[in-house]
Amino acid sequence: MDFTVINAALIGNLLLLLLIGMGPKIALVPFLEKTHAFDAETKARIGRQMVMAALITALLLFATGALLMRLLHITGGAVAVAGGIILALLAIKMAAGPIEKPHGEIELPVDPAKIAIFPLAVPYLLNPVGITVIILVSAEVSSIAGAAVVVALILLVAAFDYLVFTNIDVLAKRMKPASLVVSEIVFGILLTAVAVQLFVTGLAKLGIISADVIH
């Protein structure tokens, strides 16, 4: 992304990427599965902790991403390739649909505070797309105005997440299980395509393939 000129197209593209990388869709089904045994108050508390953990992680990544890349001698291409690989693993699992647990399997007690951080906050809410985009943007932003735009968009997406996950019981009553499963599979396929695009973009940045391939 070119932050030399901040316009509606740049803001729109970044917002879309952040909605994919930090929005509620990928985390929605795992959240419902992990919290189904809890009451509404506990679910809301888990939702708040999850969103706050993802938000703080995102802001820290934005503040330190460029520095981390320099210290570890990592290029933007390597970050994109790594993000593509991890996202593909997550997306393929979504595209495969729900897997029934063995009838004899005994579920262990779940600590709400722990699942709010992992796996709900990371890698489901702040997923590989979000992590990759934020790190890459951290290295590309060159002005205070650009940094302010990125932070504002991260806060906007986090506010949307907060609204969704602190009112999850109200939303869940309006969701049909069948349509939720179908949307999860479709979104998983689309995310697999995003993962492939990230991987290809990373290879182009590394000079392994021609940059013309990504157009």
N, C-alpha and C. Protein backbone atom coordinates (compact mmCIF):
# COMPACT_ATOMS: atom_id res chain seq x y z
N MET A 1 0.84 -1.20 0.00
CA MET A 1 0.00 0.00 0.00
C MET A 1 0.87 1.25 0.00
N ASP A 2 0.44 2.24 -0.76
CA ASP A 2 1.18 3.48 -0.87
C ASP A 2 0.52 4.53 0.03
N PHE A 3 1.22 4.91 1.12
CA PHE A 3 0.67 5.86 2.07
C PHE A 3 1.12 7.29 1.79
N THR A 4 1.78 7.51 0.64
CA THR A 4 2.17 8.88 0.30
C THR A 4 0.96 9.74 0.01
N VAL A 5 -0.09 9.12 -0.52
CA VAL A 5 -1.35 9.82 -0.77
C VAL A 5 -2.47 9.07 -0.06
N ILE A 6 -3.06 9.71 0.94
CA ILE A 6 -4.15 9.07 1.69
C ILE A 6 -5.48 9.51 1.09
N ASN A 7 -6.16 8.56 0.47
CA ASN A 7 -7.43 8.87 -0.18
C ASN A 7 -8.47 7.81 0.17
N ALA A 8 -9.67 7.97 -0.39
CA ALA A 8 -10.78 7.06 -0.07
C ALA A 8 -10.46 5.63 -0.51
N ALA A 9 -9.77 5.47 -1.64
CA ALA A 9 -9.45 4.13 -2.14
C ALA A 9 -8.52 3.41 -1.17
N LEU A 10 -7.50 4.11 -0.67
CA LEU A 10 -6.57 3.52 0.29
C LEU A 10 -7.29 3.13 1.57
N ILE A 11 -8.11 4.04 2.09
CA ILE A 11 -8.84 3.76 3.33
C ILE A 11 -9.81 2.59 3.15
N GLY A 12 -10.50 2.57 2.00
CA GLY A 12 -11.44 1.48 1.73
C GLY A 12 -10.76 0.13 1.64
N ASN A 13 -9.62 0.07 0.94
CA ASN A 13 -8.88 -1.19 0.80
C ASN A 13 -8.37 -1.67 2.15
N LEU A 14 -7.82 -0.75 2.94
CA LEU A 14 -7.29 -1.13 4.25
C LEU A 14 -8.40 -1.58 5.18
N LEU A 15 -9.55 -0.88 5.14
CA LEU A 15 -10.68 -1.28 5.98
C LEU A 15 -11.17 -2.67 5.62
N LEU A 16 -11.25 -2.97 4.33
CA LEU A 16 -11.68 -4.29 3.89
C LEU A 16 -10.73 -5.37 4.38
N LEU A 17 -9.42 -5.12 4.27
CA LEU A 17 -8.43 -6.10 4.73
C LEU A 17 -8.51 -6.30 6.24
N LEU A 18 -8.74 -5.22 6.97
CA LEU A 18 -8.85 -5.33 8.43
C LEU A 18 -10.14 -6.05 8.84
N LEU A 19 -11.21 -5.87 8.08
CA LEU A 19 -12.46 -6.59 8.37
C LEU A 19 -12.27 -8.09 8.16
N ILE A 20 -11.46 -8.46 7.16
CA ILE A 20 -11.14 -9.87 6.95
C ILE A 20 -10.18 -10.35 8.03
N GLY A 21 -9.19 -9.52 8.34
CA GLY A 21 -8.12 -9.93 9.25
C GLY A 21 -8.40 -9.75 10.72
N MET A 22 -9.44 -8.94 11.05
CA MET A 22 -9.72 -8.68 12.46
C MET A 22 -11.22 -8.58 12.72
N GLY A 23 -12.02 -8.82 11.70
CA GLY A 23 -13.47 -8.75 11.85
C GLY A 23 -14.04 -9.99 12.50
N PRO A 24 -15.34 -10.01 12.76
CA PRO A 24 -15.95 -11.09 13.54
C PRO A 24 -16.19 -12.41 12.81
N LYS A 25 -16.18 -12.43 11.48
CA LYS A 25 -16.66 -13.61 10.74
C LYS A 25 -15.88 -14.87 11.06
N ILE A 26 -14.55 -14.83 11.02
CA ILE A 26 -13.75 -16.04 11.23
C ILE A 26 -13.88 -16.53 12.67
N ALA A 27 -14.01 -15.60 13.61
CA ALA A 27 -14.08 -15.98 15.02
C ALA A 27 -15.47 -16.38 15.48
N LEU A 28 -16.48 -16.11 14.67
CA LEU A 28 -17.87 -16.29 15.11
C LEU A 28 -18.20 -17.74 15.48
N VAL A 29 -17.98 -18.66 14.55
CA VAL A 29 -18.31 -20.07 14.82
C VAL A 29 -17.46 -20.65 15.95
N PRO A 30 -16.12 -20.45 15.94
CA PRO A 30 -15.33 -20.94 17.08
C PRO A 30 -15.81 -20.36 18.41
N PHE A 31 -16.21 -19.08 18.41
CA PHE A 31 -16.70 -18.47 19.64
C PHE A 31 -17.96 -19.18 20.13
N LEU A 32 -18.89 -19.43 19.23
CA LEU A 32 -20.13 -20.12 19.61
C LEU A 32 -19.85 -21.53 20.11
N GLU A 33 -18.89 -22.22 19.47
CA GLU A 33 -18.55 -23.59 19.87
C GLU A 33 -17.88 -23.62 21.24
N LYS A 34 -16.96 -22.68 21.47
CA LYS A 34 -16.18 -22.68 22.72
C LYS A 34 -16.98 -22.20 23.91
N THR A 35 -18.02 -21.38 23.67
CA THR A 35 -18.73 -20.75 24.79
C THR A 35 -20.16 -21.25 24.95
N HIS A 36 -20.55 -22.30 24.23
CA HIS A 36 -21.95 -22.74 24.25
C HIS A 36 -22.43 -23.15 25.63
N ALA A 37 -21.50 -23.59 26.50
CA ALA A 37 -21.91 -24.07 27.82
C ALA A 37 -22.00 -22.95 28.86
N PHE A 38 -21.60 -21.73 28.49
CA PHE A 38 -21.59 -20.63 29.44
C PHE A 38 -22.88 -19.82 29.38
N ASP A 39 -23.15 -19.09 30.47
CA ASP A 39 -24.33 -18.22 30.48
C ASP A 39 -24.02 -16.93 29.71
N ALA A 40 -25.06 -16.12 29.51
CA ALA A 40 -24.93 -14.91 28.68
C ALA A 40 -23.90 -13.94 29.24
N GLU A 41 -23.87 -13.79 30.56
CA GLU A 41 -22.93 -12.84 31.17
C GLU A 41 -21.48 -13.28 30.95
N THR A 42 -21.23 -14.59 31.09
CA THR A 42 -19.88 -15.11 30.88
C THR A 42 -19.47 -14.98 29.41
N LYS A 43 -20.40 -15.25 28.50
CA LYS A 43 -20.11 -15.09 27.08
C LYS A 43 -19.72 -13.66 26.75
N ALA A 44 -20.47 -12.71 27.33
CA ALA A 44 -20.17 -11.30 27.09
C ALA A 44 -18.80 -10.93 27.65
N ARG A 45 -18.46 -11.49 28.82
CA ARG A 45 -17.15 -11.21 29.41
C ARG A 45 -16.03 -11.78 28.54
N ILE A 46 -16.23 -13.01 28.05
CA ILE A 46 -15.24 -13.61 27.15
C ILE A 46 -15.10 -12.76 25.88
N GLY A 47 -16.24 -12.28 25.36
CA GLY A 47 -16.21 -11.43 24.18
C GLY A 47 -15.40 -10.16 24.41
N ARG A 48 -15.62 -9.51 25.55
CA ARG A 48 -14.87 -8.28 25.87
C ARG A 48 -13.37 -8.56 25.98
N GLN A 49 -13.02 -9.64 26.70
CA GLN A 49 -11.61 -9.98 26.85
C GLN A 49 -10.97 -10.33 25.51
N MET A 50 -11.70 -11.04 24.68
CA MET A 50 -11.20 -11.44 23.37
C MET A 50 -10.91 -10.22 22.51
N VAL A 51 -11.87 -9.30 22.44
CA VAL A 51 -11.71 -8.11 21.60
C VAL A 51 -10.57 -7.23 22.12
N MET A 52 -10.50 -7.05 23.44
CA MET A 52 -9.43 -6.22 24.00
C MET A 52 -8.06 -6.83 23.75
N ALA A 53 -7.96 -8.16 23.88
CA ALA A 53 -6.67 -8.83 23.62
C ALA A 53 -6.25 -8.68 22.17
N ALA A 54 -7.22 -8.86 21.25
CA ALA A 54 -6.92 -8.72 19.83
C ALA A 54 -6.53 -7.28 19.49
N LEU A 55 -7.24 -6.31 20.08
CA LEU A 55 -6.97 -4.90 19.82
C LEU A 55 -5.57 -4.51 20.31
N ILE A 56 -5.24 -4.89 21.55
CA ILE A 56 -3.93 -4.55 22.10
C ILE A 56 -2.82 -5.20 21.28
N THR A 57 -3.03 -6.46 20.88
CA THR A 57 -2.03 -7.14 20.05
C THR A 57 -1.86 -6.44 18.71
N ALA A 58 -2.96 -6.04 18.10
CA ALA A 58 -2.91 -5.35 16.80
C ALA A 58 -2.16 -4.03 16.91
N LEU A 59 -2.44 -3.26 17.96
CA LEU A 59 -1.77 -1.97 18.14
C LEU A 59 -0.28 -2.15 18.43
N LEU A 60 0.05 -3.17 19.21
CA LEU A 60 1.46 -3.46 19.49
C LEU A 60 2.20 -3.88 18.21
N LEU A 61 1.54 -4.71 17.40
CA LEU A 61 2.14 -5.13 16.13
C LEU A 61 2.37 -3.94 15.21
N PHE A 62 1.40 -3.02 15.18
CA PHE A 62 1.55 -1.85 14.33
C PHE A 62 2.69 -0.96 14.83
N ALA A 63 2.81 -0.84 16.16
CA ALA A 63 3.85 0.01 16.73
C ALA A 63 5.24 -0.58 16.57
N THR A 64 5.33 -1.91 16.56
CA THR A 64 6.66 -2.55 16.58
C THR A 64 6.96 -3.38 15.33
N GLY A 65 5.98 -3.52 14.44
CA GLY A 65 6.15 -4.41 13.29
C GLY A 65 7.36 -4.09 12.45
N ALA A 66 7.53 -2.83 12.10
CA ALA A 66 8.67 -2.42 11.27
C ALA A 66 9.98 -2.71 11.98
N LEU A 67 10.04 -2.42 13.28
CA LEU A 67 11.26 -2.66 14.07
C LEU A 67 11.57 -4.15 14.14
N LEU A 68 10.54 -4.96 14.37
CA LEU A 68 10.74 -6.42 14.44
C LEU A 68 11.27 -6.96 13.11
N MET A 69 10.76 -6.45 12.00
CA MET A 69 11.24 -6.90 10.70
C MET A 69 12.72 -6.57 10.51
N ARG A 70 13.12 -5.38 10.98
CA ARG A 70 14.53 -5.00 10.86
C ARG A 70 15.42 -5.84 11.78
N LEU A 71 14.97 -6.02 13.03
CA LEU A 71 15.77 -6.78 13.99
C LEU A 71 15.95 -8.23 13.58
N LEU A 72 14.88 -8.82 13.02
CA LEU A 72 14.92 -10.23 12.62
C LEU A 72 15.33 -10.42 11.16
N HIS A 73 15.62 -9.30 10.49
CA HIS A 73 16.01 -9.34 9.07
C HIS A 73 14.97 -10.07 8.23
N ILE A 74 13.70 -9.71 8.47
CA ILE A 74 12.59 -10.31 7.74
C ILE A 74 12.09 -9.31 6.71
N THR A 75 11.83 -9.78 5.51
CA THR A 75 11.29 -8.91 4.47
C THR A 75 9.76 -8.99 4.44
N GLY A 76 9.16 -8.02 3.78
CA GLY A 76 7.70 -8.03 3.63
C GLY A 76 7.23 -9.26 2.88
N GLY A 77 8.03 -9.72 1.93
CA GLY A 77 7.69 -10.93 1.18
C GLY A 77 7.63 -12.15 2.07
N ALA A 78 8.58 -12.27 3.00
CA ALA A 78 8.60 -13.41 3.92
C ALA A 78 7.38 -13.39 4.84
N VAL A 79 7.01 -12.18 5.30
CA VAL A 79 5.83 -12.05 6.16
C VAL A 79 4.57 -12.47 5.41
N ALA A 80 4.46 -12.05 4.14
CA ALA A 80 3.28 -12.39 3.33
C ALA A 80 3.20 -13.90 3.08
N VAL A 81 4.33 -14.52 2.78
CA VAL A 81 4.35 -15.97 2.54
C VAL A 81 3.95 -16.72 3.81
N ALA A 82 4.52 -16.33 4.96
CA ALA A 82 4.19 -16.98 6.23
C ALA A 82 2.71 -16.81 6.56
N GLY A 83 2.20 -15.59 6.37
CA GLY A 83 0.78 -15.34 6.63
C GLY A 83 -0.11 -16.17 5.73
N GLY A 84 0.28 -16.32 4.47
CA GLY A 84 -0.49 -17.12 3.52
C GLY A 84 -0.56 -18.59 3.93
N ILE A 85 0.57 -19.12 4.40
CA ILE A 85 0.62 -20.54 4.80
C ILE A 85 -0.28 -20.78 6.02
N ILE A 86 -0.14 -19.93 7.04
CA ILE A 86 -0.94 -20.12 8.27
C ILE A 86 -2.42 -19.91 7.98
N LEU A 87 -2.74 -18.89 7.15
CA LEU A 87 -4.14 -18.65 6.81
C LEU A 87 -4.72 -19.83 6.04
N ALA A 88 -3.93 -20.43 5.16
CA ALA A 88 -4.41 -21.58 4.39
C ALA A 88 -4.80 -22.73 5.31
N LEU A 89 -4.00 -22.97 6.34
CA LEU A 89 -4.32 -24.05 7.29
C LEU A 89 -5.65 -23.77 8.00
N LEU A 90 -5.84 -22.52 8.40
CA LEU A 90 -7.07 -22.12 9.08
C LEU A 90 -8.26 -22.18 8.13
N ALA A 91 -8.07 -21.68 6.90
CA ALA A 91 -9.17 -21.61 5.93
C ALA A 91 -9.60 -22.99 5.46
N ILE A 92 -8.66 -23.88 5.25
CA ILE A 92 -8.99 -25.24 4.80
C ILE A 92 -9.82 -25.96 5.87
N LYS A 93 -9.48 -25.72 7.13
CA LYS A 93 -10.26 -26.30 8.22
C LYS A 93 -11.70 -25.78 8.19
N MET A 94 -11.87 -24.47 7.91
CA MET A 94 -13.22 -23.90 7.80
C MET A 94 -13.96 -24.48 6.61
N ALA A 95 -13.27 -24.59 5.46
CA ALA A 95 -13.90 -25.08 4.23
C ALA A 95 -14.31 -26.54 4.34
N ALA A 96 -13.64 -27.30 5.21
CA ALA A 96 -13.95 -28.73 5.37
C ALA A 96 -15.26 -28.95 6.11
N GLY A 97 -15.75 -27.90 6.78
CA GLY A 97 -17.02 -28.03 7.50
C GLY A 97 -16.81 -28.61 8.88
N PRO A 98 -17.86 -28.63 9.69
CA PRO A 98 -17.76 -29.14 11.06
C PRO A 98 -17.46 -30.63 11.09
N ILE A 99 -16.64 -31.01 12.06
CA ILE A 99 -16.29 -32.43 12.24
C ILE A 99 -16.89 -32.92 13.55
N GLU A 100 -17.64 -34.00 13.47
CA GLU A 100 -18.29 -34.53 14.67
C GLU A 100 -17.25 -35.14 15.61
N LYS A 101 -17.43 -34.86 16.90
CA LYS A 101 -16.53 -35.42 17.90
C LYS A 101 -16.95 -36.86 18.22
N PRO A 102 -15.98 -37.72 18.57
CA PRO A 102 -16.32 -39.08 18.98
C PRO A 102 -17.27 -39.06 20.18
N HIS A 103 -18.23 -39.97 20.18
CA HIS A 103 -19.24 -39.97 21.24
C HIS A 103 -18.64 -40.19 22.62
N GLY A 104 -17.55 -40.92 22.67
CA GLY A 104 -16.95 -41.21 23.97
C GLY A 104 -16.01 -40.14 24.47
N GLU A 105 -15.82 -39.08 23.70
CA GLU A 105 -14.87 -38.04 24.08
C GLU A 105 -15.40 -37.23 25.26
N ILE A 106 -14.55 -37.06 26.27
CA ILE A 106 -14.93 -36.31 27.47
C ILE A 106 -14.34 -34.92 27.37
N GLU A 107 -15.19 -33.90 27.47
CA GLU A 107 -14.72 -32.52 27.40
C GLU A 107 -14.21 -32.08 28.76
N LEU A 108 -13.00 -31.51 28.78
CA LEU A 108 -12.41 -31.01 30.00
C LEU A 108 -12.98 -29.62 30.30
N PRO A 109 -12.99 -29.23 31.59
CA PRO A 109 -13.48 -27.89 31.94
C PRO A 109 -12.66 -26.81 31.20
N VAL A 110 -13.35 -25.78 30.74
CA VAL A 110 -12.71 -24.73 29.97
C VAL A 110 -12.59 -23.48 30.82
N ASP A 111 -11.39 -22.86 30.83
CA ASP A 111 -11.16 -21.62 31.55
C ASP A 111 -11.53 -20.46 30.62
N PRO A 112 -12.59 -19.69 30.93
CA PRO A 112 -13.03 -18.60 30.05
C PRO A 112 -11.93 -17.60 29.75
N ALA A 113 -11.10 -17.27 30.75
CA ALA A 113 -10.05 -16.27 30.56
C ALA A 113 -9.00 -16.75 29.56
N LYS A 114 -8.72 -18.06 29.59
CA LYS A 114 -7.69 -18.61 28.69
C LYS A 114 -8.19 -18.69 27.25
N ILE A 115 -9.42 -19.17 27.05
CA ILE A 115 -9.90 -19.30 25.67
C ILE A 115 -10.16 -17.95 25.04
N ALA A 116 -10.40 -16.93 25.88
CA ALA A 116 -10.60 -15.58 25.34
C ALA A 116 -9.34 -15.08 24.65
N ILE A 117 -8.18 -15.47 25.18
CA ILE A 117 -6.89 -15.05 24.59
C ILE A 117 -6.50 -15.99 23.46
N PHE A 118 -6.48 -17.27 23.75
CA PHE A 118 -6.15 -18.30 22.75
C PHE A 118 -7.13 -19.44 22.87
N PRO A 119 -7.78 -19.83 21.80
CA PRO A 119 -7.53 -19.42 20.41
C PRO A 119 -8.45 -18.31 19.89
N LEU A 120 -9.33 -17.73 20.74
CA LEU A 120 -10.33 -16.82 20.21
C LEU A 120 -9.75 -15.48 19.77
N ALA A 121 -8.96 -14.82 20.63
CA ALA A 121 -8.39 -13.52 20.25
C ALA A 121 -7.38 -13.69 19.12
N VAL A 122 -6.46 -14.63 19.31
CA VAL A 122 -5.45 -14.99 18.30
C VAL A 122 -5.40 -16.51 18.26
N PRO A 123 -5.61 -17.16 17.13
CA PRO A 123 -5.57 -16.62 15.77
C PRO A 123 -6.94 -16.43 15.10
N TYR A 124 -8.06 -16.51 15.84
CA TYR A 124 -9.35 -16.41 15.17
C TYR A 124 -9.80 -14.97 14.92
N LEU A 125 -9.83 -14.14 15.97
CA LEU A 125 -10.27 -12.76 15.75
C LEU A 125 -9.19 -11.97 15.01
N LEU A 126 -8.01 -11.87 15.61
CA LEU A 126 -6.87 -11.30 14.89
C LEU A 126 -6.18 -12.46 14.20
N ASN A 127 -6.56 -12.70 12.95
CA ASN A 127 -6.10 -13.88 12.23
C ASN A 127 -4.87 -13.56 11.38
N PRO A 128 -4.32 -14.56 10.67
CA PRO A 128 -3.09 -14.33 9.89
C PRO A 128 -3.17 -13.19 8.88
N VAL A 129 -4.35 -12.95 8.30
CA VAL A 129 -4.49 -11.82 7.38
C VAL A 129 -4.25 -10.51 8.12
N GLY A 130 -4.91 -10.35 9.27
CA GLY A 130 -4.75 -9.14 10.06
C GLY A 130 -3.33 -8.93 10.52
N ILE A 131 -2.71 -9.99 11.03
CA ILE A 131 -1.32 -9.90 11.51
C ILE A 131 -0.40 -9.50 10.37
N THR A 132 -0.55 -10.15 9.22
CA THR A 132 0.30 -9.85 8.07
C THR A 132 0.11 -8.42 7.59
N VAL A 133 -1.15 -8.01 7.42
CA VAL A 133 -1.45 -6.65 6.93
C VAL A 133 -0.89 -5.60 7.88
N ILE A 134 -1.10 -5.78 9.19
CA ILE A 134 -0.65 -4.78 10.16
C ILE A 134 0.87 -4.67 10.19
N ILE A 135 1.57 -5.80 10.12
CA ILE A 135 3.04 -5.76 10.10
C ILE A 135 3.55 -5.07 8.84
N LEU A 136 2.96 -5.43 7.69
CA LEU A 136 3.39 -4.81 6.43
C LEU A 136 3.09 -3.31 6.41
N VAL A 137 1.92 -2.93 6.89
CA VAL A 137 1.55 -1.52 6.93
C VAL A 137 2.46 -0.75 7.88
N SER A 138 2.85 -1.39 8.98
CA SER A 138 3.76 -0.76 9.93
C SER A 138 5.07 -0.34 9.27
N ALA A 139 5.52 -1.17 8.33
CA ALA A 139 6.77 -0.88 7.63
C ALA A 139 6.61 0.16 6.53
N GLU A 140 5.37 0.34 6.06
CA GLU A 140 5.13 1.23 4.92
C GLU A 140 4.65 2.62 5.30
N VAL A 141 4.04 2.76 6.49
CA VAL A 141 3.55 4.08 6.92
C VAL A 141 4.74 5.00 7.17
N SER A 142 4.67 6.21 6.61
CA SER A 142 5.80 7.14 6.72
C SER A 142 5.41 8.51 7.26
N SER A 143 4.17 8.65 7.73
CA SER A 143 3.73 9.95 8.24
C SER A 143 2.80 9.76 9.43
N ILE A 144 2.65 10.82 10.21
CA ILE A 144 1.74 10.77 11.36
C ILE A 144 0.30 10.60 10.89
N ALA A 145 -0.04 11.25 9.77
CA ALA A 145 -1.40 11.14 9.23
C ALA A 145 -1.71 9.70 8.84
N GLY A 146 -0.75 9.05 8.19
CA GLY A 146 -0.93 7.65 7.79
C GLY A 146 -1.10 6.75 8.99
N ALA A 147 -0.27 6.96 10.02
CA ALA A 147 -0.36 6.16 11.25
C ALA A 147 -1.71 6.37 11.93
N ALA A 148 -2.19 7.62 11.93
CA ALA A 148 -3.48 7.94 12.56
C ALA A 148 -4.62 7.23 11.84
N VAL A 149 -4.55 7.16 10.51
CA VAL A 149 -5.59 6.48 9.73
C VAL A 149 -5.62 4.99 10.07
N VAL A 150 -4.45 4.37 10.15
CA VAL A 150 -4.38 2.94 10.46
C VAL A 150 -4.93 2.66 11.85
N VAL A 151 -4.50 3.45 12.83
CA VAL A 151 -4.98 3.26 14.21
C VAL A 151 -6.49 3.46 14.29
N ALA A 152 -7.00 4.48 13.60
CA ALA A 152 -8.45 4.75 13.61
C ALA A 152 -9.23 3.58 13.02
N LEU A 153 -8.72 3.00 11.93
CA LEU A 153 -9.42 1.87 11.31
C LEU A 153 -9.37 0.62 12.19
N ILE A 154 -8.23 0.41 12.86
CA ILE A 154 -8.14 -0.72 13.78
C ILE A 154 -9.14 -0.55 14.92
N LEU A 155 -9.25 0.65 15.46
CA LEU A 155 -10.21 0.92 16.54
C LEU A 155 -11.65 0.77 16.05
N LEU A 156 -11.91 1.18 14.82
CA LEU A 156 -13.26 1.05 14.25
C LEU A 156 -13.67 -0.42 14.13
N VAL A 157 -12.77 -1.25 13.60
CA VAL A 157 -13.06 -2.68 13.46
C VAL A 157 -13.22 -3.33 14.84
N ALA A 158 -12.37 -2.94 15.79
CA ALA A 158 -12.48 -3.48 17.15
C ALA A 158 -13.81 -3.10 17.80
N ALA A 159 -14.28 -1.88 17.54
CA ALA A 159 -15.58 -1.45 18.08
C ALA A 159 -16.71 -2.29 17.50
N PHE A 160 -16.62 -2.62 16.21
CA PHE A 160 -17.61 -3.48 15.57
C PHE A 160 -17.58 -4.88 16.19
N ASP A 161 -16.36 -5.40 16.41
CA ASP A 161 -16.21 -6.71 17.06
C ASP A 161 -16.84 -6.70 18.45
N TYR A 162 -16.57 -5.63 19.19
CA TYR A 162 -17.11 -5.51 20.56
C TYR A 162 -18.63 -5.55 20.54
N LEU A 163 -19.21 -4.84 19.60
CA LEU A 163 -20.68 -4.80 19.47
C LEU A 163 -21.23 -6.19 19.19
N VAL A 164 -20.56 -6.94 18.33
CA VAL A 164 -21.02 -8.28 17.96
C VAL A 164 -20.89 -9.25 19.11
N PHE A 165 -19.70 -9.34 19.70
CA PHE A 165 -19.43 -10.41 20.66
C PHE A 165 -19.95 -10.13 22.07
N THR A 166 -20.31 -8.90 22.38
CA THR A 166 -20.95 -8.64 23.67
C THR A 166 -22.47 -8.76 23.58
N ASN A 167 -22.97 -8.96 22.37
CA ASN A 167 -24.41 -9.19 22.16
C ASN A 167 -24.63 -10.50 21.40
N ILE A 168 -23.75 -11.46 21.64
CA ILE A 168 -23.75 -12.68 20.84
C ILE A 168 -25.01 -13.51 21.04
N ASP A 169 -25.59 -13.51 22.24
CA ASP A 169 -26.80 -14.30 22.49
C ASP A 169 -27.97 -13.78 21.66
N VAL A 170 -28.09 -12.47 21.57
CA VAL A 170 -29.16 -11.86 20.76
C VAL A 170 -28.98 -12.23 19.29
N LEU A 171 -27.74 -12.16 18.80
CA LEU A 171 -27.45 -12.48 17.40
C LEU A 171 -27.62 -13.97 17.12
N ALA A 172 -27.21 -14.81 18.09
CA ALA A 172 -27.27 -16.25 17.88
C ALA A 172 -28.70 -16.75 17.69
N LYS A 173 -29.65 -16.08 18.34
CA LYS A 173 -31.06 -16.48 18.20
C LYS A 173 -31.57 -16.25 16.78
N ARG A 174 -30.93 -15.34 16.05
CA ARG A 174 -31.36 -15.03 14.69
C ARG A 174 -30.58 -15.83 13.64
N MET A 175 -29.62 -16.63 14.10
CA MET A 175 -28.79 -17.40 13.17
C MET A 175 -29.31 -18.83 13.05
N LYS A 176 -29.51 -19.29 11.85
CA LYS A 176 -29.89 -20.67 11.63
C LYS A 176 -28.63 -21.52 11.50
N PRO A 177 -28.53 -22.63 12.26
CA PRO A 177 -27.33 -23.46 12.23
C PRO A 177 -26.91 -23.88 10.82
N ALA A 178 -27.88 -24.26 9.98
CA ALA A 178 -27.55 -24.72 8.62
C ALA A 178 -26.92 -23.61 7.80
N SER A 179 -27.51 -22.41 7.87
CA SER A 179 -26.97 -21.29 7.09
C SER A 179 -25.61 -20.87 7.62
N LEU A 180 -25.40 -21.02 8.93
CA LEU A 180 -24.12 -20.69 9.53
C LEU A 180 -23.03 -21.62 9.03
N VAL A 181 -23.35 -22.91 8.94
CA VAL A 181 -22.39 -23.90 8.44
C VAL A 181 -22.05 -23.64 6.99
N VAL A 182 -23.08 -23.36 6.18
CA VAL A 182 -22.86 -23.09 4.76
C VAL A 182 -21.99 -21.86 4.56
N SER A 183 -22.30 -20.79 5.30
CA SER A 183 -21.51 -19.57 5.18
C SER A 183 -20.07 -19.79 5.62
N GLU A 184 -19.88 -20.64 6.62
CA GLU A 184 -18.54 -20.96 7.11
C GLU A 184 -17.74 -21.67 6.02
N ILE A 185 -18.35 -22.62 5.33
CA ILE A 185 -17.67 -23.35 4.26
C ILE A 185 -17.33 -22.42 3.09
N VAL A 186 -18.31 -21.60 2.69
CA VAL A 186 -18.08 -20.66 1.58
C VAL A 186 -16.97 -19.68 1.93
N PHE A 187 -17.03 -19.13 3.15
CA PHE A 187 -16.01 -18.17 3.57
C PHE A 187 -14.65 -18.85 3.68
N GLY A 188 -14.64 -20.11 4.08
CA GLY A 188 -13.38 -20.86 4.15
C GLY A 188 -12.74 -20.99 2.78
N ILE A 189 -13.56 -21.25 1.76
CA ILE A 189 -13.04 -21.35 0.38
C ILE A 189 -12.48 -20.00 -0.08
N LEU A 190 -13.23 -18.92 0.21
CA LEU A 190 -12.76 -17.59 -0.17
C LEU A 190 -11.47 -17.23 0.56
N LEU A 191 -11.38 -17.60 1.83
CA LEU A 191 -10.16 -17.32 2.59
C LEU A 191 -8.98 -18.14 2.08
N THR A 192 -9.25 -19.34 1.59
CA THR A 192 -8.17 -20.13 0.99
C THR A 192 -7.61 -19.41 -0.22
N ALA A 193 -8.51 -18.80 -1.01
CA ALA A 193 -8.07 -18.00 -2.16
C ALA A 193 -7.24 -16.80 -1.71
N VAL A 194 -7.66 -16.15 -0.61
CA VAL A 194 -6.89 -15.03 -0.06
C VAL A 194 -5.52 -15.51 0.38
N ALA A 195 -5.47 -16.70 0.99
CA ALA A 195 -4.19 -17.27 1.44
C ALA A 195 -3.26 -17.51 0.26
N VAL A 196 -3.81 -18.05 -0.82
CA VAL A 196 -3.00 -18.28 -2.02
C VAL A 196 -2.48 -16.95 -2.57
N GLN A 197 -3.36 -15.93 -2.58
CA GLN A 197 -2.94 -14.60 -3.07
C GLN A 197 -1.83 -14.02 -2.20
N LEU A 198 -1.96 -14.16 -0.88
CA LEU A 198 -0.91 -13.70 0.03
C LEU A 198 0.41 -14.40 -0.26
N PHE A 199 0.33 -15.71 -0.47
CA PHE A 199 1.52 -16.52 -0.73
C PHE A 199 2.18 -16.07 -2.03
N VAL A 200 1.38 -15.89 -3.08
CA VAL A 200 1.90 -15.48 -4.38
C VAL A 200 2.50 -14.07 -4.30
N THR A 201 1.80 -13.17 -3.60
CA THR A 201 2.31 -11.81 -3.44
C THR A 201 3.66 -11.82 -2.72
N GLY A 202 3.76 -12.65 -1.69
CA GLY A 202 5.02 -12.78 -0.97
C GLY A 202 6.14 -13.29 -1.85
N LEU A 203 5.84 -14.29 -2.68
CA LEU A 203 6.85 -14.83 -3.59
C LEU A 203 7.30 -13.77 -4.59
N ALA A 204 6.34 -12.93 -5.05
CA ALA A 204 6.68 -11.86 -5.98
C ALA A 204 7.56 -10.82 -5.30
N LYS A 205 7.24 -10.48 -4.03
CA LYS A 205 8.05 -9.52 -3.30
C LYS A 205 9.47 -10.04 -3.08
N LEU A 206 9.59 -11.35 -2.93
CA LEU A 206 10.91 -11.97 -2.72
C LEU A 206 11.68 -12.13 -4.03
N GLY A 207 11.00 -11.88 -5.15
CA GLY A 207 11.65 -12.00 -6.46
C GLY A 207 11.72 -13.42 -6.97
N ILE A 208 10.99 -14.33 -6.34
CA ILE A 208 11.02 -15.75 -6.74
C ILE A 208 10.19 -15.95 -8.00
N ILE A 209 9.08 -15.20 -8.11
CA ILE A 209 8.27 -15.25 -9.32
C ILE A 209 8.11 -13.83 -9.85
N SER A 210 7.63 -13.71 -11.07
CA SER A 210 7.44 -12.38 -11.68
C SER A 210 6.31 -11.65 -11.01
N ALA A 211 6.47 -10.34 -10.80
CA ALA A 211 5.43 -9.53 -10.18
C ALA A 211 4.18 -9.47 -11.07
N ASP A 212 4.31 -9.77 -12.38
CA ASP A 212 3.16 -9.74 -13.29
C ASP A 212 2.13 -10.80 -12.92
N VAL A 213 2.56 -11.83 -12.20
CA VAL A 213 1.66 -12.94 -11.85
C VAL A 213 0.55 -12.47 -10.93
N ILE A 214 0.81 -11.47 -10.09
CA ILE A 214 -0.19 -11.07 -9.09
C ILE A 214 -1.20 -10.10 -9.67
N HIS A 215 -1.05 -9.65 -10.90
CA HIS A 215 -2.01 -8.72 -11.51
C HIS A 215 -3.04 -9.47 -12.32
